[in-house]
PDB file of N, CA and C in Angstrom:
ATOM      1  N   UNK A   1      20.657 -33.301  13.958  1.00  0.00           N
ATOM      2  CA  UNK A   1      21.182 -32.305  13.414  1.00  0.00           C
ATOM      3  C   UNK A   1      21.626 -32.120  11.926  1.00  0.00           C
ATOM      4  N   UNK A   2      20.814 -31.095  10.941  1.00  0.00           N
ATOM      5  CA  UNK A   2      20.912 -29.601  11.308  1.00  0.00           C
ATOM      6  C   UNK A   2      19.638 -29.158  11.863  1.00  0.00           C
ATOM      7  N   UNK A   3      19.446 -28.122  12.544  1.00  0.00           N
ATOM      8  CA  UNK A   3      18.288 -27.285  12.808  1.00  0.00           C
ATOM      9  C   UNK A   3      18.349 -25.964  12.200  1.00  0.00           C
ATOM     10  N   UNK A   4      17.206 -26.005  12.018  1.00  0.00           N
ATOM     11  CA  UNK A   4      16.997 -24.594  10.842  1.00  0.00           C
ATOM     12  C   UNK A   4      15.604 -23.840  11.499  1.00  0.00           C
ATOM     13  N   UNK A   5      16.024 -22.558  11.446  1.00  0.00           N
ATOM     14  CA  UNK A   5      14.602 -21.967  12.205  1.00  0.00           C
ATOM     15  C   UNK A   5      14.192 -21.142  10.869  1.00  0.00           C
ATOM     16  N   UNK A   6      13.215 -20.919  10.288  1.00  0.00           N
ATOM     17  CA  UNK A   6      12.782 -19.893   9.523  1.00  0.00           C
ATOM     18  C   UNK A   6      11.718 -19.037   9.858  1.00  0.00           C
ATOM     19  N   UNK A   7      12.099 -17.597   9.920  1.00  0.00           N
ATOM     20  CA  UNK A   7      11.351 -16.463  10.104  1.00  0.00           C
ATOM     21  C   UNK A   7      10.860 -15.776   9.122  1.00  0.00           C
ATOM     22  N   UNK A   8       9.173 -15.633   9.555  1.00  0.00           N
ATOM     23  CA  UNK A   8       8.678 -15.262   8.227  1.00  0.00           C
ATOM     24  C   UNK A   8       7.344 -14.575   8.327  1.00  0.00           C
ATOM     25  N   UNK A   9       6.700 -14.097   8.083  1.00  0.00           N
ATOM     26  CA  UNK A   9       5.844 -13.039   8.195  1.00  0.00           C
ATOM     27  C   UNK A   9       4.365 -13.739   8.456  1.00  0.00           C
ATOM     28  N   UNK A  10       3.240 -13.646   9.391  1.00  0.00           N
ATOM     29  CA  UNK A  10       2.526 -14.668   9.956  1.00  0.00           C
ATOM     30  C   UNK A  10       1.405 -14.319   8.718  1.00  0.00           C
ATOM     31  N   UNK A  11       0.639 -15.766   8.572  1.00  0.00           N
ATOM     32  CA  UNK A  11      -0.376 -16.104   7.881  1.00  0.00           C
ATOM     33  C   UNK A  11      -0.392 -17.687   6.833  1.00  0.00           C
ATOM     34  N   UNK A  12       0.865 -18.095   7.224  1.00  0.00           N
ATOM     35  CA  UNK A  12       0.813 -19.379   7.116  1.00  0.00           C
ATOM     36  C   UNK A  12      -0.095 -20.379   7.500  1.00  0.00           C
ATOM     37  N   UNK A  13      -0.569 -21.319   6.993  1.00  0.00           N
ATOM     38  CA  UNK A  13      -1.077 -22.210   7.835  1.00  0.00           C
ATOM     39  C   UNK A  13      -0.338 -23.216   8.088  1.00  0.00           C
ATOM     40  N   UNK A  14      -0.705 -24.007   8.467  1.00  0.00           N
ATOM     41  CA  UNK A  14       0.199 -25.742   9.181  1.00  0.00           C
ATOM     42  C   UNK A  14       0.469 -26.597   8.277  1.00  0.00           C
ATOM     43  N   UNK A  15      -0.204 -26.856   6.913  1.00  0.00           N
ATOM     44  CA  UNK A  15      -0.283 -27.361   6.196  1.00  0.00           C
ATOM     45  C   UNK A  15       1.157 -26.556   5.132  1.00  0.00           C
ATOM     46  N   UNK A  16       0.972 -25.237   4.901  1.00  0.00           N
ATOM     47  CA  UNK A  16       2.036 -24.999   4.184  1.00  0.00           C
ATOM     48  C   UNK A  16       2.939 -24.777   5.381  1.00  0.00           C
ATOM     49  N   UNK A  17       3.130 -24.777   6.164  1.00  0.00           N
ATOM     50  CA  UNK A  17       4.555 -24.660   6.913  1.00  0.00           C
ATOM     51  C   UNK A  17       4.990 -26.527   6.901  1.00  0.00           C
ATOM     52  N   UNK A  18       4.655 -26.806   7.426  1.00  0.00           N
ATOM     53  CA  UNK A  18       5.235 -28.517   7.006  1.00  0.00           C
ATOM     54  C   UNK A  18       5.696 -29.031   5.606  1.00  0.00           C
ATOM     55  N   UNK A  19       4.675 -28.403   4.898  1.00  0.00           N
ATOM     56  CA  UNK A  19       5.456 -28.213   3.530  1.00  0.00           C
ATOM     57  C   UNK A  19       6.637 -27.996   2.888  1.00  0.00           C
ATOM     58  N   UNK A  20       6.559 -26.415   3.908  1.00  0.00           N
ATOM     59  CA  UNK A  20       8.344 -25.793   3.479  1.00  0.00           C
ATOM     60  C   UNK A  20       9.129 -26.827   4.226  1.00  0.00           C
ATOM     61  N   UNK A  21       9.115 -27.319   5.912  1.00  0.00           N
ATOM     62  CA  UNK A  21       9.931 -28.007   6.545  1.00  0.00           C
ATOM     63  C   UNK A  21      10.398 -29.415   5.800  1.00  0.00           C
ATOM     64  N   UNK A  22       9.097 -29.565   5.076  1.00  0.00           N
ATOM     65  CA  UNK A  22       9.446 -30.999   4.232  1.00  0.00           C
ATOM     66  C   UNK A  22      10.593 -30.642   3.400  1.00  0.00           C
ATOM     67  N   UNK A  23      10.276 -29.289   2.782  1.00  0.00           N
ATOM     68  CA  UNK A  23      11.151 -28.990   1.253  1.00  0.00           C
ATOM     69  C   UNK A  23      12.611 -28.879   1.775  1.00  0.00           C
ATOM     70  N   UNK A  24      12.624 -27.803   2.951  1.00  0.00           N
ATOM     71  CA  UNK A  24      13.888 -27.417   3.651  1.00  0.00           C
ATOM     72  C   UNK A  24      14.566 -28.587   3.846  1.00  0.00           C
ATOM     73  N   UNK A  25      13.979 -30.141   4.806  1.00  0.00           N
ATOM     74  CA  UNK A  25      14.937 -31.463   5.460  1.00  0.00           C
ATOM     75  C   UNK A  25      14.961 -32.095   3.705  1.00  0.00           C
ATOM     76  N   UNK A  26      14.205 -31.920   2.964  1.00  0.00           N
ATOM     77  CA  UNK A  26      14.808 -32.826   1.609  1.00  0.00           C
ATOM     78  C   UNK A  26      15.809 -32.102   1.230  1.00  0.00           C
ATOM     79  N   UNK A  27      16.365 -30.692   0.965  1.00  0.00           N
ATOM     80  CA  UNK A  27      17.187 -30.350   0.179  1.00  0.00           C
ATOM     81  C   UNK A  27      18.424 -30.048   1.142  1.00  0.00           C
ATOM     82  N   UNK A  28      18.496 -30.447   2.199  1.00  0.00           N
ATOM     83  CA  UNK A  28      19.021 -30.591   3.010  1.00  0.00           C
ATOM     84  C   UNK A  28      19.794 -32.286   2.540  1.00  0.00           C
ATOM     85  N   UNK A  29      19.034 -32.767   3.018  1.00  0.00           N
ATOM     86  CA  UNK A  29      19.310 -33.925   2.544  1.00  0.00           C
ATOM     87  C   UNK A  29      20.066 -34.526   1.189  1.00  0.00           C
ATOM     88  N   UNK A  30      19.142 -33.852   0.086  1.00  0.00           N
ATOM     89  CA  UNK A  30      19.424 -34.058  -1.447  1.00  0.00           C
ATOM     90  C   UNK A  30      21.014 -33.732  -1.350  1.00  0.00           C
ATOM     91  N   UNK A  31      21.803 -32.168  -0.913  1.00  0.00           N
ATOM     92  CA  UNK A  31      22.577 -31.362  -1.135  1.00  0.00           C
ATOM     93  C   UNK A  31      23.578 -31.460  -0.325  1.00  0.00           C
ATOM     94  N   UNK A  32      23.690 -32.116   1.135  1.00  0.00           N
ATOM     95  CA  UNK A  32      24.439 -32.568   2.009  1.00  0.00           C
ATOM     96  C   UNK A  32      24.954 -33.950   2.360  1.00  0.00           C
ATOM     97  N   UNK A  33      23.686 -34.670   1.986  1.00  0.00           N
ATOM     98  CA  UNK A  33      23.337 -36.070   2.961  1.00  0.00           C
ATOM     99  C   UNK A  33      23.053 -36.367   4.022  1.00  0.00           C
ATOM    100  N   UNK A  34      21.710 -34.979   4.371  1.00  0.00           N
ATOM    101  CA  UNK A  34      21.681 -35.454   5.829  1.00  0.00           C
ATOM    102  C   UNK A  34      20.550 -36.112   6.155  1.00  0.00           C
ATOM    103  N   UNK A  35      20.252 -37.447   7.276  1.00  0.00           N
ATOM    104  CA  UNK A  35      19.489 -38.088   6.729  1.00  0.00           C
ATOM    105  C   UNK A  35      18.102 -37.129   7.189  1.00  0.00           C
ATOM    106  N   UNK A  36      16.966 -37.450   6.753  1.00  0.00           N
ATOM    107  CA  UNK A  36      15.885 -36.671   7.031  1.00  0.00           C
ATOM    108  C   UNK A  36      15.169 -36.905   8.482  1.00  0.00           C
ATOM    109  N   UNK A  37      15.562 -38.072   9.005  1.00  0.00           N
ATOM    110  CA  UNK A  37      15.552 -38.298  10.252  1.00  0.00           C
ATOM    111  C   UNK A  37      15.648 -37.231  11.295  1.00  0.00           C
ATOM    112  N   UNK A  38      16.958 -36.937  10.594  1.00  0.00           N
ATOM    113  CA  UNK A  38      17.810 -35.433  11.603  1.00  0.00           C
ATOM    114  C   UNK A  38      17.527 -34.467  11.593  1.00  0.00           C
ATOM    115  N   UNK A  39      16.768 -33.398  10.650  1.00  0.00           N
ATOM    116  CA  UNK A  39      16.950 -32.397  10.529  1.00  0.00           C
ATOM    117  C   UNK A  39      15.229 -32.037  10.900  1.00  0.00           C
ATOM    118  N   UNK A  40      15.623 -30.525  11.617  1.00  0.00           N
ATOM    119  CA  UNK A  40      14.228 -30.182  12.509  1.00  0.00           C
ATOM    120  C   UNK A  40      14.545 -28.994  11.871  1.00  0.00           C
ATOM    121  N   UNK A  41      13.342 -28.590  12.198  1.00  0.00           N
ATOM    122  CA  UNK A  41      12.693 -27.229  11.215  1.00  0.00           C
ATOM    123  C   UNK A  41      11.763 -26.286  12.121  1.00  0.00           C
ATOM    124  N   UNK A  42      11.901 -24.960  12.315  1.00  0.00           N
ATOM    125  CA  UNK A  42      10.967 -24.664  13.030  1.00  0.00           C
ATOM    126  C   UNK A  42      11.037 -23.411  12.490  1.00  0.00           C
ATOM    127  N   UNK A  43       9.752 -22.767  12.723  1.00  0.00           N
ATOM    128  CA  UNK A  43       8.890 -21.480  12.098  1.00  0.00           C
ATOM    129  C   UNK A  43       8.591 -20.851  13.160  1.00  0.00           C
ATOM    130  N   UNK A  44       9.258 -19.695  12.869  1.00  0.00           N
ATOM    131  CA  UNK A  44       9.115 -17.587  13.852  1.00  0.00           C
ATOM    132  C   UNK A  44       8.144 -16.921  13.159  1.00  0.00           C
ATOM    133  N   UNK A  45       6.991 -16.720  13.423  1.00  0.00           N
ATOM    134  CA  UNK A  45       6.305 -15.507  12.340  1.00  0.00           C
ATOM    135  C   UNK A  45       6.844 -14.147  13.022  1.00  0.00           C
ATOM    136  N   UNK A  46       7.221 -13.209  12.467  1.00  0.00           N
ATOM    137  CA  UNK A  46       7.102 -12.047  12.656  1.00  0.00           C
ATOM    138  C   UNK A  46       6.303 -10.796  12.099  1.00  0.00           C
ATOM    139  N   UNK A  47       5.757 -10.191  12.387  1.00  0.00           N
ATOM    140  CA  UNK A  47       4.915  -9.153  12.114  1.00  0.00           C
ATOM    141  C   UNK A  47       5.871  -8.249  11.055  1.00  0.00           C
ATOM    142  N   UNK A  48       5.090  -7.851  10.384  1.00  0.00           N
ATOM    143  CA  UNK A  48       6.124  -6.647   9.014  1.00  0.00           C
ATOM    144  C   UNK A  48       6.386  -5.650   9.769  1.00  0.00           C
ATOM    145  N   UNK A  49       5.329  -5.332  10.535  1.00  0.00           N
ATOM    146  CA  UNK A  49       6.240  -3.762  11.287  1.00  0.00           C
ATOM    147  C   UNK A  49       7.594  -4.139  11.949  1.00  0.00           C
ATOM    148  N   UNK A  50       7.505  -5.141  12.632  1.00  0.00           N
ATOM    149  CA  UNK A  50       9.120  -5.652  13.097  1.00  0.00           C
ATOM    150  C   UNK A  50      10.156  -6.230  11.960  1.00  0.00           C
ATOM    151  N   UNK A  51       9.411  -5.986  11.460  1.00  0.00           N
ATOM    152  CA  UNK A  51      10.295  -6.938  10.577  1.00  0.00           C
ATOM    153  C   UNK A  51      12.146  -6.558  10.612  1.00  0.00           C
ATOM    154  N   UNK A  52      12.299  -5.297   9.869  1.00  0.00           N
ATOM    155  CA  UNK A  52      13.437  -4.766  10.099  1.00  0.00           C
ATOM    156  C   UNK A  52      14.555  -4.788  11.763  1.00  0.00           C
ATOM    157  N   UNK A  53      13.928  -4.296  12.441  1.00  0.00           N
ATOM    158  CA  UNK A  53      14.373  -4.228  14.100  1.00  0.00           C
ATOM    159  C   UNK A  53      14.541  -5.694  14.671  1.00  0.00           C
ATOM    160  N   UNK A  54      13.573  -6.744  14.457  1.00  0.00           N
ATOM    161  CA  UNK A  54      13.554  -7.753  14.920  1.00  0.00           C
ATOM    162  C   UNK A  54      14.165  -9.186  13.858  1.00  0.00           C
ATOM    163  N   UNK A  55      14.904  -8.903  12.589  1.00  0.00           N
ATOM    164  CA  UNK A  55      14.766  -9.919  11.894  1.00  0.00           C
ATOM    165  C   UNK A  55      16.149  -9.261  11.198  1.00  0.00           C
ATOM    166  N   UNK A  56      15.918  -8.103  10.389  1.00  0.00           N
ATOM    167  CA  UNK A  56      16.711  -7.678   9.377  1.00  0.00           C
ATOM    168  C   UNK A  56      18.157  -6.990  10.190  1.00  0.00           C
ATOM    169  N   UNK A  57      18.321  -6.215  11.110  1.00  0.00           N
ATOM    170  CA  UNK A  57      19.058  -5.909  12.109  1.00  0.00           C
ATOM    171  C   UNK A  57      19.878  -6.594  12.759  1.00  0.00           C
ATOM    172  N   UNK A  58      19.332  -7.411  13.515  1.00  0.00           N
ATOM    173  CA  UNK A  58      20.184  -8.888  14.141  1.00  0.00           C
ATOM    174  C   UNK A  58      20.672 -10.055  13.436  1.00  0.00           C
ATOM    175  N   UNK A  59      20.182 -10.472  12.426  1.00  0.00           N
ATOM    176  CA  UNK A  59      20.257 -11.811  11.867  1.00  0.00           C
ATOM    177  C   UNK A  59      20.692 -11.453  10.346  1.00  0.00           C
ATOM    178  N   UNK A  60      20.771 -10.373   9.326  1.00  0.00           N
ATOM    179  CA  UNK A  60      21.007 -10.132   8.497  1.00  0.00           C
ATOM    180  C   UNK A  60      22.322  -9.473   8.897  1.00  0.00           C
ATOM    181  N   UNK A  61      21.961  -8.316   9.433  1.00  0.00           N
ATOM    182  CA  UNK A  61      23.134  -6.983   9.454  1.00  0.00           C
ATOM    183  C   UNK A  61      24.667  -7.252  10.329  1.00  0.00           C
ATOM    184  N   UNK A  62      23.539  -7.978  11.159  1.00  0.00           N
ATOM    185  CA  UNK A  62      24.225  -8.441  12.871  1.00  0.00           C
ATOM    186  C   UNK A  62      25.242  -9.561  12.248  1.00  0.00           C
ATOM    187  N   UNK A  63      24.907 -10.348  11.731  1.00  0.00           N
ATOM    188  CA  UNK A  63      25.740 -11.672  11.223  1.00  0.00           C
ATOM    189  C   UNK A  63      26.344 -12.001  10.018  1.00  0.00           C
ATOM    190  N   UNK A  64      26.665 -10.921   9.442  1.00  0.00           N
ATOM    191  CA  UNK A  64      27.390 -10.716   7.872  1.00  0.00           C
ATOM    192  C   UNK A  64      28.052 -11.385   7.957  1.00  0.00           C
ATOM    193  N   UNK A  65      29.259 -12.128   8.745  1.00  0.00           N
ATOM    194  CA  UNK A  65      30.094 -12.705   8.520  1.00  0.00           C
ATOM    195  C   UNK A  65      29.536 -14.505   8.535  1.00  0.00           C
ATOM    196  N   UNK A  66      28.514 -15.068   9.055  1.00  0.00           N
ATOM    197  CA  UNK A  66      27.692 -16.099   8.833  1.00  0.00           C
ATOM    198  C   UNK A  66      26.524 -16.012   8.155  1.00  0.00           C
ATOM    199  N   UNK A  67      26.129 -14.933   7.020  1.00  0.00           N
ATOM    200  CA  UNK A  67      25.357 -14.487   5.915  1.00  0.00           C
ATOM    201  C   UNK A  67      25.551 -15.796   4.871  1.00  0.00           C
ATOM    202  N   UNK A  68      25.047 -16.886   4.301  1.00  0.00           N
ATOM    203  CA  UNK A  68      25.436 -17.164   3.008  1.00  0.00           C
ATOM    204  C   UNK A  68      24.849 -16.854   1.907  1.00  0.00           C
ATOM    205  N   UNK A  69      23.533 -16.488   1.964  1.00  0.00           N
ATOM    206  CA  UNK A  69      22.485 -16.222   1.124  1.00  0.00           C
ATOM    207  C   UNK A  69      21.995 -14.800   1.505  1.00  0.00           C
ATOM    208  N   UNK A  70      22.512 -13.690   0.707  1.00  0.00           N
ATOM    209  CA  UNK A  70      21.671 -12.505   1.005  1.00  0.00           C
ATOM    210  C   UNK A  70      20.010 -12.297   0.663  1.00  0.00           C
ATOM    211  N   UNK A  71      19.436 -11.687   1.041  1.00  0.00           N
ATOM    212  CA  UNK A  71      18.064 -11.134   0.892  1.00  0.00           C
ATOM    213  C   UNK A  71      18.467 -10.236  -0.678  1.00  0.00           C
ATOM    214  N   UNK A  72      17.141  -9.433  -1.393  1.00  0.00           N
ATOM    215  CA  UNK A  72      16.860  -9.844  -2.530  1.00  0.00           C
ATOM    216  C   UNK A  72      16.368  -8.433  -2.290  1.00  0.00           C
ATOM    217  N   UNK A  73      15.811  -7.508  -0.904  1.00  0.00           N
ATOM    218  CA  UNK A  73      14.620  -5.998  -0.912  1.00  0.00           C
ATOM    219  C   UNK A  73      16.082  -5.414  -0.175  1.00  0.00           C
ATOM    220  N   UNK A  74      15.630  -4.536  -0.448  1.00  0.00           N
ATOM    221  CA  UNK A  74      16.569  -3.364  -0.166  1.00  0.00           C
ATOM    222  C   UNK A  74      16.077  -2.525   1.162  1.00  0.00           C
ATOM    223  N   UNK A  75      16.069  -2.730   1.711  1.00  0.00           N
ATOM    224  CA  UNK A  75      15.851  -1.921   3.654  1.00  0.00           C
ATOM    225  C   UNK A  75      15.613  -0.635   3.622  1.00  0.00           C
ATOM    226  N   UNK A  76      16.151   0.168   2.638  1.00  0.00           N
ATOM    227  CA  UNK A  76      16.025   1.679   2.734  1.00  0.00           C
ATOM    228  C   UNK A  76      14.817   1.775   2.027  1.00  0.00           C
ATOM    229  N   UNK A  77      13.463   1.080   1.976  1.00  0.00           N
ATOM    230  CA  UNK A  77      12.339   1.447   1.262  1.00  0.00           C
ATOM    231  C   UNK A  77      12.173   2.120   0.342  1.00  0.00           C
ATOM    232  N   UNK A  78      13.009   0.827  -1.101  1.00  0.00           N
ATOM    233  CA  UNK A  78      12.607   1.079  -2.286  1.00  0.00           C
ATOM    234  C   UNK A  78      11.308   0.704  -3.066  1.00  0.00           C
ATOM    235  N   UNK A  79      10.543   0.331  -2.140  1.00  0.00           N
ATOM    236  CA  UNK A  79       9.649  -0.156  -2.261  1.00  0.00           C
ATOM    237  C   UNK A  79       9.428  -1.908  -2.468  1.00  0.00           C
ATOM    238  N   UNK A  80      10.567  -2.668  -2.706  1.00  0.00           N
ATOM    239  CA  UNK A  80      10.368  -3.773  -2.239  1.00  0.00           C
ATOM    240  C   UNK A  80      10.223  -4.049  -0.783  1.00  0.00           C
ATOM    241  N   UNK A  81       9.495  -4.596  -0.692  1.00  0.00           N
ATOM    242  CA  UNK A  81       8.979  -5.261   1.264  1.00  0.00           C
ATOM    243  C   UNK A  81      10.155  -6.363   1.298  1.00  0.00           C
ATOM    244  N   UNK A  82      10.078  -6.352   2.471  1.00  0.00           N
ATOM    245  CA  UNK A  82      10.653  -7.410   3.344  1.00  0.00           C
ATOM    246  C   UNK A  82       9.809  -9.092   2.764  1.00  0.00           C
ATOM    247  N   UNK A  83      10.136  -9.955   2.631  1.00  0.00           N
ATOM    248  CA  UNK A  83       9.467 -11.107   2.453  1.00  0.00           C
ATOM    249  C   UNK A  83       8.906 -11.086   0.921  1.00  0.00           C
ATOM    250  N   UNK A  84       9.298 -10.117   0.163  1.00  0.00           N
ATOM    251  CA  UNK A  84       8.240 -10.087  -1.149  1.00  0.00           C
ATOM    252  C   UNK A  84       8.782 -11.410  -2.296  1.00  0.00           C
ATOM    253  N   UNK A  85       8.301 -12.071  -2.954  1.00  0.00           N
ATOM    254  CA  UNK A  85       8.503 -13.029  -3.551  1.00  0.00           C
ATOM    255  C   UNK A  85       9.545 -12.589  -4.852  1.00  0.00           C
ATOM    256  N   UNK A  86       9.559 -11.305  -4.719  1.00  0.00           N
ATOM    257  CA  UNK A  86      10.136 -10.888  -6.177  1.00  0.00           C
ATOM    258  C   UNK A  86      11.657 -11.324  -6.806  1.00  0.00           C
ATOM    259  N   UNK A  87      11.874 -12.122  -7.653  1.00  0.00           N
ATOM    260  CA  UNK A  87      13.293 -12.747  -7.556  1.00  0.00           C
ATOM    261  C   UNK A  87      14.575 -11.708  -8.084  1.00  0.00           C
TER     262      UNK A  87
END
């Protein structure tokens, strides 16, 4: 424990996913002291056309009380797409 699920657009190869998982595990180790061997990470690919209904509505809007970091994109369609790298 802990277990982290990352939902992302398709297109990352296995090496990129492993690098992300290692970085997430390291962040949990560095910030909260979890042993690396106790951190698990899964990746769930979500098609862009399904992002709003499969991720945004249930996971972000539907769990606002559990959300610790909010996304910077606007789901109203202002030009910023879900998952964009804009800061």
